[in-house]
PDB file of N, CA and C in Angstrom:
ATOM      1  N   MET A   1      -0.298  29.523  -2.587  1.00  0.00           N
ATOM      2  CA  MET A   1       0.777  28.554  -2.664  1.00  0.00           C
ATOM      3  C   MET A   1       0.393  27.235  -1.976  1.00  0.00           C
ATOM      4  N   ALA A   2      -0.339  27.331  -0.880  1.00  0.00           N
ATOM      5  CA  ALA A   2      -0.744  26.122  -0.172  1.00  0.00           C
ATOM      6  C   ALA A   2      -1.617  25.240  -1.049  1.00  0.00           C
ATOM      7  N   THR A   3      -2.466  25.853  -1.855  1.00  0.00           N
ATOM      8  CA  THR A   3      -3.334  25.089  -2.749  1.00  0.00           C
ATOM      9  C   THR A   3      -2.510  24.336  -3.779  1.00  0.00           C
ATOM     10  N   ARG A   4      -1.482  24.978  -4.304  1.00  0.00           N
ATOM     11  CA  ARG A   4      -0.620  24.322  -5.291  1.00  0.00           C
ATOM     12  C   ARG A   4       0.085  23.116  -4.676  1.00  0.00           C
ATOM     13  N   ALA A   5       0.565  23.263  -3.458  1.00  0.00           N
ATOM     14  CA  ALA A   5       1.242  22.155  -2.779  1.00  0.00           C
ATOM     15  C   ALA A   5       0.276  20.992  -2.553  1.00  0.00           C
ATOM     16  N   LYS A   6      -0.961  21.306  -2.187  1.00  0.00           N
ATOM     17  CA  LYS A   6      -1.963  20.251  -1.984  1.00  0.00           C
ATOM     18  C   LYS A   6      -2.261  19.534  -3.293  1.00  0.00           C
ATOM     19  N   THR A   7      -2.372  20.304  -4.370  1.00  0.00           N
ATOM     20  CA  THR A   7      -2.632  19.712  -5.686  1.00  0.00           C
ATOM     21  C   THR A   7      -1.489  18.799  -6.092  1.00  0.00           C
ATOM     22  N   GLU A   8      -0.259  19.235  -5.854  1.00  0.00           N
ATOM     23  CA  GLU A   8       0.902  18.415  -6.206  1.00  0.00           C
ATOM     24  C   GLU A   8       0.926  17.116  -5.401  1.00  0.00           C
ATOM     25  N   ARG A   9       0.620  17.197  -4.110  1.00  0.00           N
ATOM     26  CA  ARG A   9       0.576  15.978  -3.281  1.00  0.00           C
ATOM     27  C   ARG A   9      -0.538  15.046  -3.759  1.00  0.00           C
ATOM     28  N   TYR A  10      -1.687  15.620  -4.081  1.00  0.00           N
ATOM     29  CA  TYR A  10      -2.815  14.835  -4.587  1.00  0.00           C
ATOM     30  C   TYR A  10      -2.432  14.136  -5.888  1.00  0.00           C
ATOM     31  N   ASP A  11      -1.828  14.873  -6.822  1.00  0.00           N
ATOM     32  CA  ASP A  11      -1.430  14.292  -8.106  1.00  0.00           C
ATOM     33  C   ASP A  11      -0.417  13.172  -7.906  1.00  0.00           C
ATOM     34  N   LYS A  12       0.500  13.350  -6.971  1.00  0.00           N
ATOM     35  CA  LYS A  12       1.520  12.328  -6.719  1.00  0.00           C
ATOM     36  C   LYS A  12       0.882  11.053  -6.152  1.00  0.00           C
ATOM     37  N   ARG A  13      -0.006  11.214  -5.176  1.00  0.00           N
ATOM     38  CA  ARG A  13      -0.688  10.037  -4.598  1.00  0.00           C
ATOM     39  C   ARG A  13      -1.563   9.348  -5.636  1.00  0.00           C
ATOM     40  N   ASN A  14      -2.281  10.149  -6.408  1.00  0.00           N
ATOM     41  CA  ASN A  14      -3.135   9.606  -7.463  1.00  0.00           C
ATOM     42  C   ASN A  14      -2.296   8.853  -8.487  1.00  0.00           C
ATOM     43  N   GLY A  15      -1.192   9.450  -8.900  1.00  0.00           N
ATOM     44  CA  GLY A  15      -0.312   8.834  -9.886  1.00  0.00           C
ATOM     45  C   GLY A  15       0.261   7.512  -9.404  1.00  0.00           C
ATOM     46  N   THR A  16       0.651   7.479  -8.138  1.00  0.00           N
ATOM     47  CA  THR A  16       1.179   6.241  -7.554  1.00  0.00           C
ATOM     48  C   THR A  16       0.114   5.148  -7.573  1.00  0.00           C
ATOM     49  N   ALA A  17      -1.115   5.517  -7.248  1.00  0.00           N
ATOM     50  CA  ALA A  17      -2.222   4.550  -7.260  1.00  0.00           C
ATOM     51  C   ALA A  17      -2.516   4.073  -8.675  1.00  0.00           C
ATOM     52  N   ILE A  18      -2.521   4.988  -9.629  1.00  0.00           N
ATOM     53  CA  ILE A  18      -2.779   4.632 -11.027  1.00  0.00           C
ATOM     54  C   ILE A  18      -1.718   3.659 -11.528  1.00  0.00           C
ATOM     55  N   ARG A  19      -0.473   3.913 -11.185  1.00  0.00           N
ATOM     56  CA  ARG A  19       0.614   3.021 -11.603  1.00  0.00           C
ATOM     57  C   ARG A  19       0.458   1.635 -10.969  1.00  0.00           C
ATOM     58  N   ALA A  20       0.150   1.604  -9.683  1.00  0.00           N
ATOM     59  CA  ALA A  20      -0.008   0.321  -8.987  1.00  0.00           C
ATOM     60  C   ALA A  20      -1.122  -0.514  -9.616  1.00  0.00           C
ATOM     61  N   ILE A  21      -2.220   0.127  -9.973  1.00  0.00           N
ATOM     62  CA  ILE A  21      -3.338  -0.590 -10.594  1.00  0.00           C
ATOM     63  C   ILE A  21      -2.937  -1.100 -11.975  1.00  0.00           C
ATOM     64  N   ARG A  22      -2.255  -0.260 -12.747  1.00  0.00           N
ATOM     65  CA  ARG A  22      -1.805  -0.683 -14.086  1.00  0.00           C
ATOM     66  C   ARG A  22      -0.878  -1.889 -13.971  1.00  0.00           C
ATOM     67  N   GLU A  23       0.076  -1.815 -13.049  1.00  0.00           N
ATOM     68  CA  GLU A  23       1.023  -2.918 -12.883  1.00  0.00           C
ATOM     69  C   GLU A  23       0.331  -4.180 -12.367  1.00  0.00           C
ATOM     70  N   ALA A  24      -0.658  -4.018 -11.495  1.00  0.00           N
ATOM     71  CA  ALA A  24      -1.405  -5.172 -10.979  1.00  0.00           C
ATOM     72  C   ALA A  24      -2.158  -5.888 -12.097  1.00  0.00           C
ATOM     73  N   HIS A  25      -2.517  -5.149 -13.137  1.00  0.00           N
ATOM     74  CA  HIS A  25      -3.184  -5.738 -14.299  1.00  0.00           C
ATOM     75  C   HIS A  25      -2.171  -6.281 -15.313  1.00  0.00           C
ATOM     76  N   GLY A  26      -0.888  -6.199 -14.983  1.00  0.00           N
ATOM     77  CA  GLY A  26       0.148  -6.738 -15.864  1.00  0.00           C
ATOM     78  C   GLY A  26       0.383  -5.913 -17.119  1.00  0.00           C
ATOM     79  N   LEU A  27       0.020  -4.634 -17.071  1.00  0.00           N
ATOM     80  CA  LEU A  27       0.189  -3.776 -18.245  1.00  0.00           C
ATOM     81  C   LEU A  27       1.422  -2.896 -18.118  1.00  0.00           C
ATOM     82  N   LYS A  28       2.090  -2.696 -19.234  1.00  0.00           N
ATOM     83  CA  LYS A  28       3.190  -1.740 -19.312  1.00  0.00           C
ATOM     84  C   LYS A  28       2.611  -0.454 -19.886  1.00  0.00           C
ATOM     85  N   GLN A  29       3.322   0.647 -19.716  1.00  0.00           N
ATOM     86  CA  GLN A  29       2.819   1.932 -20.216  1.00  0.00           C
ATOM     87  C   GLN A  29       2.436   1.873 -21.696  1.00  0.00           C
ATOM     88  N   PRO A  30       3.247   1.241 -22.568  1.00  0.00           N
ATOM     89  CA  PRO A  30       2.859   1.202 -23.989  1.00  0.00           C
ATOM     90  C   PRO A  30       1.604   0.368 -24.272  1.00  0.00           C
ATOM     91  N   ASP A  31       1.179  -0.445 -23.304  1.00  0.00           N
ATOM     92  CA  ASP A  31       0.008  -1.304 -23.492  1.00  0.00           C
ATOM     93  C   ASP A  31      -1.321  -0.565 -23.336  1.00  0.00           C
ATOM     94  N   VAL A  32      -1.277   0.705 -22.947  1.00  0.00           N
ATOM     95  CA  VAL A  32      -2.508   1.464 -22.704  1.00  0.00           C
ATOM     96  C   VAL A  32      -2.835   2.294 -23.943  1.00  0.00           C
ATOM     97  N   PRO A  33      -3.827   1.864 -24.727  1.00  0.00           N
ATOM     98  CA  PRO A  33      -4.184   2.626 -25.930  1.00  0.00           C
ATOM     99  C   PRO A  33      -4.910   3.921 -25.567  1.00  0.00           C
ATOM    100  N   GLY A  34      -4.761   4.909 -26.422  1.00  0.00           N
ATOM    101  CA  GLY A  34      -5.476   6.160 -26.223  1.00  0.00           C
ATOM    102  C   GLY A  34      -4.745   7.179 -25.377  1.00  0.00           C
ATOM    103  N   ILE A  35      -3.535   6.836 -24.953  1.00  0.00           N
ATOM    104  CA  ILE A  35      -2.723   7.749 -24.149  1.00  0.00           C
ATOM    105  C   ILE A  35      -1.257   7.472 -24.474  1.00  0.00           C
ATOM    106  N   THR A  36      -0.476   8.516 -24.618  1.00  0.00           N
ATOM    107  CA  THR A  36       0.937   8.310 -24.954  1.00  0.00           C
ATOM    108  C   THR A  36       1.705   7.845 -23.721  1.00  0.00           C
ATOM    109  N   ASP A  37       2.815   7.157 -23.970  1.00  0.00           N
ATOM    110  CA  ASP A  37       3.675   6.713 -22.865  1.00  0.00           C
ATOM    111  C   ASP A  37       4.104   7.908 -22.021  1.00  0.00           C
ATOM    112  N   ARG A  38       4.459   8.984 -22.700  1.00  0.00           N
ATOM    113  CA  ARG A  38       4.945  10.188 -22.006  1.00  0.00           C
ATOM    114  C   ARG A  38       3.857  10.770 -21.106  1.00  0.00           C
ATOM    115  N   GLN A  39       2.656  10.865 -21.628  1.00  0.00           N
ATOM    116  CA  GLN A  39       1.554  11.417 -20.836  1.00  0.00           C
ATOM    117  C   GLN A  39       1.274  10.533 -19.622  1.00  0.00           C
ATOM    118  N   LEU A  40       1.243   9.227 -19.822  1.00  0.00           N
ATOM    119  CA  LEU A  40       0.985   8.308 -18.716  1.00  0.00           C
ATOM    120  C   LEU A  40       2.104   8.383 -17.679  1.00  0.00           C
ATOM    121  N   ARG A  41       3.334   8.457 -18.135  1.00  0.00           N
ATOM    122  CA  ARG A  41       4.476   8.563 -17.220  1.00  0.00           C
ATOM    123  C   ARG A  41       4.341   9.829 -16.360  1.00  0.00           C
ATOM    124  N   ARG A  42       3.968  10.952 -16.984  1.00  0.00           N
ATOM    125  CA  ARG A  42       3.815  12.214 -16.249  1.00  0.00           C
ATOM    126  C   ARG A  42       2.684  12.119 -15.217  1.00  0.00           C
ATOM    127  N   VAL A  43       1.598  11.455 -15.572  1.00  0.00           N
ATOM    128  CA  VAL A  43       0.490  11.268 -14.622  1.00  0.00           C
ATOM    129  C   VAL A  43       0.955  10.390 -13.466  1.00  0.00           C
ATOM    130  N   GLU A  44       1.612   9.286 -13.772  1.00  0.00           N
ATOM    131  CA  GLU A  44       2.047   8.355 -12.729  1.00  0.00           C
ATOM    132  C   GLU A  44       3.093   8.962 -11.800  1.00  0.00           C
ATOM    133  N   LEU A  45       3.883   9.891 -12.296  1.00  0.00           N
ATOM    134  CA  LEU A  45       4.885  10.559 -11.465  1.00  0.00           C
ATOM    135  C   LEU A  45       4.310  11.760 -10.715  1.00  0.00           C
ATOM    136  N   GLY A  46       3.048  12.078 -10.973  1.00  0.00           N
ATOM    137  CA  GLY A  46       2.418  13.203 -10.305  1.00  0.00           C
ATOM    138  C   GLY A  46       2.789  14.548 -10.891  1.00  0.00           C
ATOM    139  N   GLN A  47       3.347  14.541 -12.096  1.00  0.00           N
ATOM    140  CA  GLN A  47       3.747  15.783 -12.754  1.00  0.00           C
ATOM    141  C   GLN A  47       2.597  16.405 -13.534  1.00  0.00           C
ATOM    142  N   GLN A  48       1.531  15.659 -13.699  1.00  0.00           N
ATOM    143  CA  GLN A  48       0.373  16.108 -14.477  1.00  0.00           C
ATOM    144  C   GLN A  48      -0.866  15.464 -13.871  1.00  0.00           C
ATOM    145  N   SER A  49      -1.936  16.226 -13.783  1.00  0.00           N
ATOM    146  CA  SER A  49      -3.198  15.671 -13.277  1.00  0.00           C
ATOM    147  C   SER A  49      -3.799  14.721 -14.308  1.00  0.00           C
ATOM    148  N   ALA A  50      -4.448  13.691 -13.828  1.00  0.00           N
ATOM    149  CA  ALA A  50      -5.141  12.758 -14.718  1.00  0.00           C
ATOM    150  C   ALA A  50      -6.428  13.406 -15.204  1.00  0.00           C
ATOM    151  N   THR A  51      -6.608  13.455 -16.508  1.00  0.00           N
ATOM    152  CA  THR A  51      -7.833  14.002 -17.087  1.00  0.00           C
ATOM    153  C   THR A  51      -8.881  12.896 -17.185  1.00  0.00           C
ATOM    154  N   LYS A  52     -10.093  13.290 -17.487  1.00  0.00           N
ATOM    155  CA  LYS A  52     -11.152  12.295 -17.682  1.00  0.00           C
ATOM    156  C   LYS A  52     -10.771  11.354 -18.822  1.00  0.00           C
ATOM    157  N   GLY A  53     -10.197  11.889 -19.887  1.00  0.00           N
ATOM    158  CA  GLY A  53      -9.777  11.064 -21.019  1.00  0.00           C
ATOM    159  C   GLY A  53      -8.718  10.048 -20.631  1.00  0.00           C
ATOM    160  N   THR A  54      -7.778  10.469 -19.801  1.00  0.00           N
ATOM    161  CA  THR A  54      -6.737   9.563 -19.314  1.00  0.00           C
ATOM    162  C   THR A  54      -7.359   8.443 -18.491  1.00  0.00           C
ATOM    163  N   LEU A  55      -8.250   8.815 -17.585  1.00  0.00           N
ATOM    164  CA  LEU A  55      -8.904   7.814 -16.739  1.00  0.00           C
ATOM    165  C   LEU A  55      -9.764   6.859 -17.562  1.00  0.00           C
ATOM    166  N   GLU A  56     -10.424   7.379 -18.591  1.00  0.00           N
ATOM    167  CA  GLU A  56     -11.233   6.521 -19.467  1.00  0.00           C
ATOM    168  C   GLU A  56     -10.348   5.535 -20.223  1.00  0.00           C
ATOM    169  N   ALA A  57      -9.192   5.992 -20.712  1.00  0.00           N
ATOM    170  CA  ALA A  57      -8.274   5.101 -21.433  1.00  0.00           C
ATOM    171  C   ALA A  57      -7.755   4.007 -20.507  1.00  0.00           C
ATOM    172  N   LEU A  58      -7.410   4.376 -19.289  1.00  0.00           N
ATOM    173  CA  LEU A  58      -6.924   3.391 -18.323  1.00  0.00           C
ATOM    174  C   LEU A  58      -8.022   2.399 -17.954  1.00  0.00           C
ATOM    175  N   ALA A  59      -9.222   2.896 -17.722  1.00  0.00           N
ATOM    176  CA  ALA A  59     -10.343   2.011 -17.378  1.00  0.00           C
ATOM    177  C   ALA A  59     -10.578   0.997 -18.489  1.00  0.00           C
ATOM    178  N   LYS A  60     -10.577   1.470 -19.722  1.00  0.00           N
ATOM    179  CA  LYS A  60     -10.798   0.577 -20.865  1.00  0.00           C
ATOM    180  C   LYS A  60      -9.686  -0.470 -20.957  1.00  0.00           C
ATOM    181  N   ALA A  61      -8.443  -0.050 -20.751  1.00  0.00           N
ATOM    182  CA  ALA A  61      -7.314  -0.987 -20.806  1.00  0.00           C
ATOM    183  C   ALA A  61      -7.415  -2.046 -19.712  1.00  0.00           C
ATOM    184  N   HIS A  62      -8.048  -1.690 -18.591  1.00  0.00           N
ATOM    185  CA  HIS A  62      -8.207  -2.626 -17.475  1.00  0.00           C
ATOM    186  C   HIS A  62      -9.528  -3.386 -17.542  1.00  0.00           C
ATOM    187  N   SER A  63     -10.284  -3.163 -18.613  1.00  0.00           N
ATOM    188  CA  SER A  63     -11.610  -3.786 -18.768  1.00  0.00           C
ATOM    189  C   SER A  63     -12.536  -3.443 -17.604  1.00  0.00           C
ATOM    190  N   LEU A  64     -12.504  -2.172 -17.197  1.00  0.00           N
ATOM    191  CA  LEU A  64     -13.347  -1.677 -16.119  1.00  0.00           C
ATOM    192  C   LEU A  64     -14.174  -0.509 -16.628  1.00  0.00           C
ATOM    193  N   SER A  65     -15.275  -0.243 -15.949  1.00  0.00           N
ATOM    194  CA  SER A  65     -16.003   0.991 -16.252  1.00  0.00           C
ATOM    195  C   SER A  65     -15.203   2.141 -15.640  1.00  0.00           C
ATOM    196  N   LEU A  66     -15.489   3.340 -16.085  1.00  0.00           N
ATOM    197  CA  LEU A  66     -14.806   4.508 -15.526  1.00  0.00           C
ATOM    198  C   LEU A  66     -15.042   4.582 -14.019  1.00  0.00           C
ATOM    199  N   GLU A  67     -16.262   4.336 -13.605  1.00  0.00           N
ATOM    200  CA  GLU A  67     -16.604   4.397 -12.185  1.00  0.00           C
ATOM    201  C   GLU A  67     -15.816   3.366 -11.374  1.00  0.00           C
ATOM    202  N   GLU A  68     -15.711   2.136 -11.894  1.00  0.00           N
ATOM    203  CA  GLU A  68     -14.953   1.092 -11.193  1.00  0.00           C
ATOM    204  C   GLU A  68     -13.484   1.475 -11.074  1.00  0.00           C
ATOM    205  N   HIS A  69     -12.941   2.024 -12.157  1.00  0.00           N
ATOM    206  CA  HIS A  69     -11.529   2.406 -12.138  1.00  0.00           C
ATOM    207  C   HIS A  69     -11.281   3.532 -11.131  1.00  0.00           C
ATOM    208  N   VAL A  70     -12.127   4.549 -11.152  1.00  0.00           N
ATOM    209  CA  VAL A  70     -11.968   5.671 -10.220  1.00  0.00           C
ATOM    210  C   VAL A  70     -12.101   5.183  -8.779  1.00  0.00           C
ATOM    211  N   GLU A  71     -13.024   4.264  -8.549  1.00  0.00           N
ATOM    212  CA  GLU A  71     -13.197   3.694  -7.210  1.00  0.00           C
ATOM    213  C   GLU A  71     -11.932   2.961  -6.760  1.00  0.00           C
ATOM    214  N   ARG A  72     -11.322   2.207  -7.657  1.00  0.00           N
ATOM    215  CA  ARG A  72     -10.087   1.488  -7.311  1.00  0.00           C
ATOM    216  C   ARG A  72      -8.936   2.450  -7.040  1.00  0.00           C
ATOM    217  N   VAL A  73      -8.851   3.507  -7.833  1.00  0.00           N
ATOM    218  CA  VAL A  73      -7.811   4.519  -7.599  1.00  0.00           C
ATOM    219  C   VAL A  73      -8.021   5.156  -6.227  1.00  0.00           C
ATOM    220  N   ALA A  74      -9.253   5.535  -5.920  1.00  0.00           N
ATOM    221  CA  ALA A  74      -9.552   6.157  -4.625  1.00  0.00           C
ATOM    222  C   ALA A  74      -9.206   5.218  -3.472  1.00  0.00           C
ATOM    223  N   LYS A  75      -9.531   3.947  -3.619  1.00  0.00           N
ATOM    224  CA  LYS A  75      -9.230   2.961  -2.577  1.00  0.00           C
ATOM    225  C   LYS A  75      -7.720   2.825  -2.393  1.00  0.00           C
ATOM    226  N   ALA A  76      -6.980   2.801  -3.492  1.00  0.00           N
ATOM    227  CA  ALA A  76      -5.521   2.692  -3.417  1.00  0.00           C
ATOM    228  C   ALA A  76      -4.908   3.941  -2.785  1.00  0.00           C
ATOM    229  N   VAL A  77      -5.456   5.105  -3.089  1.00  0.00           N
ATOM    230  CA  VAL A  77      -4.960   6.355  -2.489  1.00  0.00           C
ATOM    231  C   VAL A  77      -5.192   6.329  -0.982  1.00  0.00           C
ATOM    232  N   ARG A  78      -6.376   5.900  -0.567  1.00  0.00           N
ATOM    233  CA  ARG A  78      -6.676   5.831   0.871  1.00  0.00           C
ATOM    234  C   ARG A  78      -5.768   4.832   1.578  1.00  0.00           C
ATOM    235  N   ALA A  79      -5.392   3.771   0.896  1.00  0.00           N
ATOM    236  CA  ALA A  79      -4.555   2.738   1.508  1.00  0.00           C
ATOM    237  C   ALA A  79      -3.153   3.253   1.827  1.00  0.00           C
ATOM    238  N   VAL A  80      -2.668   4.202   1.043  1.00  0.00           N
ATOM    239  CA  VAL A  80      -1.310   4.714   1.272  1.00  0.00           C
ATOM    240  C   VAL A  80      -1.306   6.056   1.995  1.00  0.00           C
ATOM    241  N   ALA A  81      -2.472   6.643   2.192  1.00  0.00           N
ATOM    242  CA  ALA A  81      -2.540   7.970   2.841  1.00  0.00           C
ATOM    243  C   ALA A  81      -2.387   7.862   4.340  1.00  0.00           C
TER     244      ALA A  81
END
């Protein structure tokens, strides 16, 4: 059970960071191609883990490489942790 709680906290922090980065780029959820609004909303709310495909779609929408996007998400997570 402790592992599940940690995963949920991780997903929530990650989702918050992903949303902040998307909003900082001036994008709305429908502006991200390759991922449905519903899927993105669930990731941003921490209800679903971000998959590699989700992260790739977000990186592309932000004109970043996958590595750059993941680095920015990690930095944003550390800033609020």
